[in-house]
Amino acid sequence: MPIKIPDHLPAKEKLLKENIFVMDESRAYQQDIRPLKICILNLMPTKQETETQLIRLLGNTPLQIDVSLLHPSSHEPKNTSKEHLQQFYKTISEIKSLKFDGMIITGAPVETLPFDDVHYWDEMKSILDWTTTNVTSTLHICWGAQAALYHHYQIRKRPLNTKLFGIYNHTVNVSNVNLLRGFDDYFLAPHSRHTTIHRQDIEEISDLEVLSSSDEAGVYIASSKDGKRIFVMGHAEYDAHTLKKEYERDIKQGGACQMPINYFPDENPEALPPLQWRAHSNLLFSNWLNYYVYQETPYHLDKS
């Protein structure tokens, strides 16, 4: 089934070239199907790139998805035009009376700041509280996961001595959980962050469990036991070239920059990196949509 996106969203043309079945609003309205309503709070600086990455993963399922894009009204992004935001995005004040089957909260380039120093933190807290009553299941990514763990469970992020940057091997810690159904015992996933969440801090909370981890990268996926909150510490949504772009950006900024681990062929930054995590990324998102959203959400959202 297709994923329904706003008319004229730039991601559509690229996804169609990749044979991802997308449908614009005007065509979707002609179908008598109750799509899953998914809200994406996009906090990434490269919003259009992140839109494409997430919609690609959401579109690789047999479910029809209706995507709404959200951004914090208290933050004005530097890399996205006002026209793009006005045409395709909403703010929490515009949707707070609505309910959604699922929500994705992305990472953000503010992880080295204390949460209270993030200038849109008050709005972020309001959105996190809103998900508790208005969303069936929320998938939090990287800083979004750290923010939710701090807000809901008072778990603090910890600074790393060096940036965790590259492709890391992970293991499945809980074999019978639906989110990881079909996963190999070992699988790869990207990370790009300066902070981490200690496993012990998660395990001390009776409502939480660690589902997947890495000897090098630490906790990768955790979840509340009811599945309403999923926390992914890495970036399963990243394209093959995303870490390369981050590496080149860091070099241009003039700071000390390490090469991403296990990423460039023969450690050659001029070589094209292979996409080694696509299968498990697709499986992660399809399992979340199927078992934690579609199977759990009421048919009539407004009556839930």
Protein backbone atom coordinates (compact mmCIF):
# COMPACT_ATOMS: atom_id res chain seq x y z
CA MET A 1 0.00 0.00 0.00
CA PRO A 2 1.19 3.58 -0.59
CA ILE A 3 2.22 6.28 1.81
CA LYS A 4 0.19 9.49 1.57
CA ILE A 5 2.23 12.68 1.67
CA PRO A 6 1.37 16.36 1.14
CA ASP A 7 0.94 17.46 -2.47
CA HIS A 8 4.20 18.75 -4.01
CA LEU A 9 6.47 17.60 -1.13
CA PRO A 10 10.00 17.52 -2.66
CA ALA A 11 10.65 14.01 -1.32
CA LYS A 12 7.98 12.56 -3.63
CA GLU A 13 9.99 12.75 -6.86
CA LYS A 14 13.06 11.10 -5.35
CA LEU A 15 11.04 8.31 -3.71
CA LEU A 16 9.17 7.55 -6.93
CA LYS A 17 12.52 7.10 -8.68
CA GLU A 18 13.41 4.55 -5.97
CA ASN A 19 10.16 2.67 -6.66
CA ILE A 20 8.69 3.66 -3.29
CA PHE A 21 4.90 3.77 -3.70
CA VAL A 22 3.80 7.24 -2.58
CA MET A 23 0.43 8.89 -3.14
CA ASP A 24 -0.39 12.58 -2.92
CA GLU A 25 -3.37 13.85 -0.95
CA SER A 26 -5.65 14.46 -3.91
CA ARG A 27 -5.45 10.83 -5.06
CA ALA A 28 -5.61 9.33 -1.56
CA TYR A 29 -8.92 11.03 -0.83
CA GLN A 30 -10.48 8.95 -3.62
CA GLN A 31 -9.78 5.72 -1.71
CA ASP A 32 -12.11 4.49 1.02
CA ILE A 33 -9.36 3.28 3.37
CA ARG A 34 -8.57 4.27 6.94
CA PRO A 35 -4.83 5.07 6.74
CA LEU A 36 -2.56 5.10 9.75
CA LYS A 37 -2.01 8.67 10.88
CA ILE A 38 1.70 9.19 11.59
CA CYS A 39 3.14 12.48 12.86
CA ILE A 40 6.85 13.26 12.39
CA LEU A 41 8.41 15.88 14.66
CA ASN A 42 11.41 16.81 12.52
CA LEU A 43 14.14 18.46 14.58
CA MET A 44 16.99 17.76 12.16
CA PRO A 45 18.70 20.72 10.44
CA THR A 46 18.47 19.05 7.01
CA LYS A 47 14.70 18.67 7.11
CA GLN A 48 14.07 17.70 3.50
CA GLU A 49 16.72 14.97 3.65
CA THR A 50 15.23 13.60 6.88
CA GLU A 51 11.72 13.72 5.41
CA THR A 52 12.88 11.56 2.51
CA GLN A 53 14.70 9.08 4.74
CA LEU A 54 11.77 8.52 7.10
CA ILE A 55 9.07 8.45 4.43
CA ARG A 56 11.13 5.89 2.51
CA LEU A 57 11.06 3.57 5.54
CA LEU A 58 7.39 4.19 6.31
CA GLY A 59 6.50 3.49 2.68
CA ASN A 60 8.05 0.03 2.70
CA THR A 61 5.05 -1.65 4.37
CA PRO A 62 1.67 -3.01 3.19
CA LEU A 63 -0.12 -0.33 5.23
CA GLN A 64 -1.40 3.00 3.95
CA ILE A 65 0.22 5.84 5.89
CA ASP A 66 -0.95 9.43 6.22
CA VAL A 67 2.04 11.58 7.23
CA SER A 68 1.85 14.92 9.05
CA LEU A 69 5.05 16.94 9.51
CA LEU A 70 5.60 18.91 12.70
CA HIS A 71 8.22 21.44 13.80
CA PRO A 72 8.62 23.44 17.03
CA SER A 73 7.15 26.92 16.69
CA SER A 74 9.72 28.28 19.15
CA HIS A 75 12.62 27.42 16.83
CA GLU A 76 13.45 28.96 13.47
CA PRO A 77 15.66 26.57 11.45
CA LYS A 78 18.61 27.99 9.52
CA ASN A 79 18.69 25.41 6.72
CA THR A 80 15.01 25.18 5.77
CA SER A 81 13.06 27.93 4.05
CA LYS A 82 10.04 29.53 5.66
CA GLU A 83 8.10 28.68 2.52
CA HIS A 84 8.81 24.97 2.97
CA LEU A 85 7.75 25.06 6.62
CA GLN A 86 4.60 27.04 5.87
CA GLN A 87 3.58 24.72 3.04
CA PHE A 88 4.31 21.32 4.58
CA TYR A 89 4.65 21.67 8.37
CA LYS A 90 2.36 22.30 11.30
CA THR A 91 3.02 23.25 14.91
CA ILE A 92 1.73 21.56 18.05
CA SER A 93 -0.87 24.28 18.58
CA GLU A 94 -2.44 23.34 15.24
CA ILE A 95 -2.74 19.61 15.96
CA LYS A 96 -3.00 19.36 19.75
CA SER A 97 -6.69 18.45 19.56
CA LEU A 98 -5.95 15.57 17.15
CA LYS A 99 -4.92 11.99 17.84
CA PHE A 100 -2.39 9.94 15.91
CA ASP A 101 -1.71 6.25 15.52
CA GLY A 102 2.04 6.77 15.67
CA MET A 103 4.67 9.46 15.99
CA ILE A 104 8.37 9.75 15.20
CA ILE A 105 10.55 12.27 17.04
CA THR A 106 13.90 12.76 15.33
CA GLY A 107 17.31 13.63 16.63
CA ALA A 108 18.57 17.21 16.88
CA PRO A 109 22.02 18.86 16.81
CA VAL A 110 21.77 20.05 20.43
CA GLU A 111 22.92 16.98 22.34
CA THR A 112 25.92 18.64 23.99
CA LEU A 113 23.62 21.22 25.62
CA PRO A 114 21.83 20.54 28.90
CA PHE A 115 18.17 19.93 28.12
CA ASP A 116 17.09 23.07 29.97
CA ASP A 117 19.42 25.14 27.79
CA VAL A 118 17.75 24.05 24.55
CA HIS A 119 15.68 27.11 23.67
CA TYR A 120 12.66 25.07 22.60
CA TRP A 121 12.82 22.69 25.58
CA ASP A 122 9.57 23.94 27.14
CA GLU A 123 7.74 23.25 23.89
CA MET A 124 9.48 19.90 23.60
CA LYS A 125 8.23 18.91 27.05
CA SER A 126 4.69 19.86 26.07
CA ILE A 127 4.93 17.72 22.94
CA LEU A 128 6.28 14.75 24.90
CA ASP A 129 3.41 15.07 27.38
CA TRP A 130 0.94 15.32 24.50
CA THR A 131 2.18 12.03 23.01
CA THR A 132 1.18 10.23 26.21
CA THR A 133 -2.51 10.92 25.63
CA ASN A 134 -2.74 11.50 21.87
CA VAL A 135 -0.44 8.91 20.26
CA THR A 136 -0.68 5.11 20.33
CA SER A 137 3.09 4.56 20.03
CA THR A 138 5.99 7.00 19.67
CA LEU A 139 9.37 6.13 18.17
CA HIS A 140 12.14 8.43 19.43
CA ILE A 141 15.47 8.71 17.59
CA CYS A 142 18.90 9.70 18.99
CA TRP A 143 18.51 13.06 20.83
CA GLY A 144 14.75 12.58 20.65
CA ALA A 145 15.23 9.32 22.57
CA GLN A 146 17.51 10.96 25.12
CA ALA A 147 15.06 13.83 25.61
CA ALA A 148 12.13 11.47 26.16
CA LEU A 149 14.07 9.28 28.61
CA TYR A 150 15.03 12.38 30.57
CA HIS A 151 11.55 13.91 30.56
CA HIS A 152 9.54 10.77 31.27
CA TYR A 153 12.01 8.85 33.48
CA GLN A 154 14.63 11.40 34.63
CA ILE A 155 17.42 9.40 32.94
CA ARG A 156 20.37 11.67 32.16
CA LYS A 157 22.53 11.54 29.06
CA ARG A 158 26.26 11.20 29.66
CA PRO A 159 29.07 12.87 27.68
CA LEU A 160 31.42 10.66 25.69
CA ASN A 161 35.17 11.25 25.59
CA THR A 162 35.11 11.04 21.79
CA LYS A 163 32.27 11.18 19.30
CA LEU A 164 30.55 7.86 18.62
CA PHE A 165 30.67 7.95 14.85
CA GLY A 166 30.34 5.12 12.36
CA ILE A 167 28.72 1.74 11.71
CA TYR A 168 28.60 -0.64 14.67
CA ASN A 169 27.64 -4.25 15.22
CA HIS A 170 24.67 -4.94 17.51
CA THR A 171 23.07 -7.93 19.17
CA VAL A 172 19.47 -8.78 19.97
CA ASN A 173 19.06 -8.89 23.76
CA VAL A 174 15.39 -9.93 23.93
CA SER A 175 14.61 -12.61 21.38
CA ASN A 176 10.83 -12.80 21.68
CA VAL A 177 9.95 -9.11 21.28
CA ASN A 178 7.89 -8.12 18.24
CA LEU A 179 9.93 -5.00 17.49
CA LEU A 180 12.94 -7.19 16.62
CA ARG A 181 11.01 -10.01 14.96
CA GLY A 182 13.03 -11.33 12.02
CA PHE A 183 16.28 -9.65 13.09
CA ASP A 184 19.55 -11.52 12.73
CA ASP A 185 21.48 -12.23 15.93
CA TYR A 186 24.03 -9.65 14.79
CA PHE A 187 23.26 -6.59 12.66
CA LEU A 188 24.74 -3.21 11.74
CA ALA A 189 23.44 0.29 12.42
CA PRO A 190 24.86 3.84 12.22
CA HIS A 191 25.56 6.10 15.20
CA SER A 192 26.59 9.75 15.29
CA ARG A 193 26.57 11.37 18.72
CA HIS A 194 28.63 12.92 21.52
CA THR A 195 26.54 11.60 24.42
CA THR A 196 25.12 8.30 25.57
CA ILE A 197 22.61 6.68 27.91
CA HIS A 198 24.01 4.18 30.40
CA ARG A 199 22.41 0.76 30.28
CA GLN A 200 22.26 0.54 34.07
CA ASP A 201 20.17 3.72 34.22
CA ILE A 202 17.57 2.18 31.91
CA GLU A 203 17.55 -1.18 33.70
CA GLU A 204 16.84 0.53 37.02
CA ILE A 205 13.44 1.63 35.65
CA SER A 206 10.96 -1.25 35.96
CA ASP A 207 8.87 0.04 33.04
CA LEU A 208 11.80 -0.08 30.59
CA GLU A 209 13.83 -2.83 28.96
CA VAL A 210 16.90 -2.86 26.72
CA LEU A 211 16.09 -4.73 23.51
CA SER A 212 19.34 -4.36 21.57
CA SER A 213 22.86 -3.19 22.35
CA SER A 214 26.42 -3.02 21.09
CA ASP A 215 29.70 -3.71 22.88
CA GLU A 216 31.11 -0.54 21.30
CA ALA A 217 28.07 1.73 20.95
CA GLY A 218 26.14 0.77 24.08
CA VAL A 219 22.34 0.68 24.18
CA TYR A 220 20.79 0.80 20.72
CA ILE A 221 17.06 0.12 21.24
CA ALA A 222 15.03 0.31 24.44
CA SER A 223 11.29 0.31 25.00
CA SER A 224 8.62 0.82 27.60
CA LYS A 225 7.08 -2.55 28.38
CA ASP A 226 3.72 -1.53 26.92
CA GLY A 227 5.36 -0.50 23.63
CA LYS A 228 4.00 3.03 23.72
CA ARG A 229 7.52 4.47 23.83
CA ILE A 230 10.36 3.18 21.64
CA PHE A 231 13.87 4.61 22.00
CA VAL A 232 16.42 4.18 19.18
CA MET A 233 19.82 5.64 20.06
CA GLY A 234 21.29 5.37 16.55
CA HIS A 235 20.18 6.44 13.09
CA ALA A 236 18.59 3.50 11.28
CA GLU A 237 17.05 6.02 8.87
CA TYR A 238 20.39 7.31 7.54
CA ASP A 239 21.25 7.00 3.85
CA ALA A 240 24.54 5.50 2.69
CA HIS A 241 26.08 8.97 2.31
CA THR A 242 24.76 10.70 5.45
CA LEU A 243 27.80 10.00 7.63
CA LYS A 244 30.05 11.06 4.75
CA LYS A 245 28.26 14.41 4.59
CA GLU A 246 28.60 14.84 8.36
CA TYR A 247 32.31 13.99 8.18
CA GLU A 248 32.91 16.51 5.39
CA ARG A 249 30.88 19.14 7.28
CA ASP A 250 32.97 18.63 10.42
CA ILE A 251 36.19 18.98 8.41
CA LYS A 252 34.98 22.25 6.88
CA GLN A 253 34.14 23.58 10.33
CA GLY A 254 37.79 23.12 11.27
CA GLY A 255 37.35 21.08 14.42
CA ALA A 256 39.04 17.83 15.34
CA CYS A 257 37.22 15.18 13.35
CA GLN A 258 37.61 11.43 13.37
CA MET A 259 36.76 9.29 10.39
CA PRO A 260 33.55 7.27 10.86
CA ILE A 261 34.35 3.72 11.99
CA ASN A 262 33.65 0.72 9.72
CA TYR A 263 32.24 3.01 7.06
CA PHE A 264 34.53 3.97 4.17
CA PRO A 265 35.89 1.08 2.04
CA ASP A 266 39.60 0.63 2.84
CA GLU A 267 39.32 3.70 5.13
CA ASN A 268 39.34 5.86 2.02
CA PRO A 269 37.08 8.92 2.49
CA GLU A 270 36.90 9.37 -1.29
CA ALA A 271 35.36 5.91 -1.77
CA LEU A 272 31.60 5.45 -1.94
CA PRO A 273 30.38 3.83 1.30
CA PRO A 274 28.03 0.83 0.94
CA LEU A 275 24.62 0.79 2.60
CA GLN A 276 24.99 -2.11 5.04
CA TRP A 277 21.99 -1.56 7.33
CA ARG A 278 19.03 -1.20 4.93
CA ALA A 279 17.34 -4.56 5.63
CA HIS A 280 17.25 -4.18 9.41
CA SER A 281 16.20 -0.53 9.18
CA ASN A 282 13.22 -1.49 7.04
CA LEU A 283 12.40 -4.35 9.40
CA LEU A 284 12.58 -2.09 12.46
CA PHE A 285 10.11 0.42 11.02
CA SER A 286 7.75 -2.18 9.55
CA ASN A 287 7.67 -4.10 12.85
CA TRP A 288 6.94 -0.90 14.74
CA LEU A 289 4.15 0.07 12.36
CA ASN A 290 2.60 -3.39 12.36
CA TYR A 291 2.88 -4.59 15.95
CA TYR A 292 2.99 -1.36 17.96
CA VAL A 293 0.80 0.92 15.85
CA TYR A 294 -1.55 -0.96 13.52
CA GLN A 295 -2.26 -3.87 15.88
CA GLU A 296 -2.77 -1.61 18.91
CA THR A 297 -4.48 1.53 17.66
CA PRO A 298 -8.29 1.88 17.73
CA TYR A 299 -10.09 2.15 14.40
CA HIS A 300 -11.85 5.32 15.54
CA LEU A 301 -9.02 7.47 16.89
CA ASP A 302 -11.30 10.24 18.09
CA LYS A 303 -13.06 7.80 20.43
CA SER A 304 -9.89 6.47 22.06
